[in-house]
Amino acid sequence: MAEDKTTTLPPARVDAELKNRLVAYAESQERPVSWVIRKAIKEYLDRHEEGSLGKDPDR
């Protein structure tokens, strides 16, 4: 049996509109909100780590 290698992160504060969008999208995909957040973080890091190594594209 594979070992669960997940861990927790500190909570992130978001405005009500973003939370509602996250919940609506997660429900439309029949996934938990945590799955959507993990996927978004991974996609963001994959995209930004490759080309910018150390540069923050949002600054």
C-alpha atoms as a PDB file:
ATOM      1  CA  MET A   1       0.000   0.000   0.000  1.00  0.00           C
ATOM      2  CA  ALA A   2       1.342   3.468  -0.929  1.00  0.00           C
ATOM      3  CA  GLU A   3       2.183   5.844   1.886  1.00  0.00           C
ATOM      4  CA  ASP A   4       0.225   9.120   1.982  1.00  0.00           C
ATOM      5  CA  LYS A   5       2.792  11.885   1.491  1.00  0.00           C
ATOM      6  CA  THR A   6       0.496  14.886   1.830  1.00  0.00           C
ATOM      7  CA  THR A   7       0.962  17.632   4.374  1.00  0.00           C
ATOM      8  CA  THR A   8      -0.897  20.766   5.353  1.00  0.00           C
ATOM      9  CA  LEU A   9      -0.183  24.416   4.622  1.00  0.00           C
ATOM     10  CA  PRO A  10      -1.088  27.478   6.653  1.00  0.00           C
ATOM     11  CA  PRO A  11      -4.558  28.814   5.858  1.00  0.00           C
ATOM     12  CA  ALA A  12      -4.814  31.358   3.072  1.00  0.00           C
ATOM     13  CA  ARG A  13      -7.247  34.240   3.318  1.00  0.00           C
ATOM     14  CA  VAL A  14      -9.285  34.976   0.205  1.00  0.00           C
ATOM     15  CA  ASP A  15     -12.176  37.315  -0.424  1.00  0.00           C
ATOM     16  CA  ALA A  16     -15.718  35.946  -0.541  1.00  0.00           C
ATOM     17  CA  GLU A  17     -15.934  36.198  -4.341  1.00  0.00           C
ATOM     18  CA  LEU A  18     -12.824  34.043  -4.868  1.00  0.00           C
ATOM     19  CA  LYS A  19     -14.046  31.509  -2.309  1.00  0.00           C
ATOM     20  CA  ASN A  20     -17.404  31.289  -4.075  1.00  0.00           C
ATOM     21  CA  ARG A  21     -15.652  30.776  -7.418  1.00  0.00           C
ATOM     22  CA  LEU A  22     -13.466  28.024  -5.938  1.00  0.00           C
ATOM     23  CA  VAL A  23     -16.454  26.249  -4.419  1.00  0.00           C
ATOM     24  CA  ALA A  24     -18.515  26.533  -7.618  1.00  0.00           C
ATOM     25  CA  TYR A  25     -15.664  25.225  -9.778  1.00  0.00           C
ATOM     26  CA  ALA A  26     -14.911  22.362  -7.386  1.00  0.00           C
ATOM     27  CA  GLU A  27     -18.572  21.358  -7.373  1.00  0.00           C
ATOM     28  CA  SER A  28     -18.731  21.504 -11.183  1.00  0.00           C
ATOM     29  CA  GLN A  29     -15.749  19.131 -11.329  1.00  0.00           C
ATOM     30  CA  GLU A  30     -17.117  16.936  -8.530  1.00  0.00           C
ATOM     31  CA  ARG A  31     -13.882  17.495  -6.598  1.00  0.00           C
ATOM     32  CA  PRO A  32     -13.091  18.964  -3.186  1.00  0.00           C
ATOM     33  CA  VAL A  33     -11.892  22.566  -3.001  1.00  0.00           C
ATOM     34  CA  SER A  34      -8.535  21.315  -1.692  1.00  0.00           C
ATOM     35  CA  TRP A  35      -8.023  19.379  -4.955  1.00  0.00           C
ATOM     36  CA  VAL A  36      -8.634  22.557  -6.999  1.00  0.00           C
ATOM     37  CA  ILE A  37      -6.190  24.519  -4.833  1.00  0.00           C
ATOM     38  CA  ARG A  38      -3.477  21.817  -5.068  1.00  0.00           C
ATOM     39  CA  LYS A  39      -3.898  21.649  -8.839  1.00  0.00           C
ATOM     40  CA  ALA A  40      -3.719  25.450  -9.158  1.00  0.00           C
ATOM     41  CA  ILE A  41      -0.572  25.695  -7.011  1.00  0.00           C
ATOM     42  CA  LYS A  42       1.146  22.913  -8.968  1.00  0.00           C
ATOM     43  CA  GLU A  43       0.257  24.464 -12.341  1.00  0.00           C
ATOM     44  CA  TYR A  44       1.437  27.892 -11.168  1.00  0.00           C
ATOM     45  CA  LEU A  45       4.775  26.560  -9.912  1.00  0.00           C
ATOM     46  CA  ASP A  46       5.325  24.368 -12.984  1.00  0.00           C
ATOM     47  CA  ARG A  47       4.742  27.359 -15.259  1.00  0.00           C
ATOM     48  CA  HIS A  48       6.785  29.900 -13.305  1.00  0.00           C
ATOM     49  CA  GLU A  49       9.696  27.800 -12.051  1.00  0.00           C
ATOM     50  CA  GLU A  50      10.717  26.687 -15.546  1.00  0.00           C
ATOM     51  CA  GLY A  51      11.287  30.050 -17.189  1.00  0.00           C
ATOM     52  CA  SER A  52      11.891  32.484 -14.389  1.00  0.00           C
ATOM     53  CA  LEU A  53      13.951  30.637 -11.744  1.00  0.00           C
ATOM     54  CA  GLY A  54      13.832  33.055  -8.869  1.00  0.00           C
ATOM     55  CA  LYS A  55      11.970  35.873 -10.617  1.00  0.00           C
ATOM     56  CA  ASP A  56       8.449  36.611  -9.422  1.00  0.00           C
ATOM     57  CA  PRO A  57       6.317  37.227 -12.532  1.00  0.00           C
ATOM     58  CA  ASP A  58       3.593  38.897 -10.457  1.00  0.00           C
ATOM     59  CA  ARG A  59       5.791  41.739  -9.182  1.00  0.00           C
END
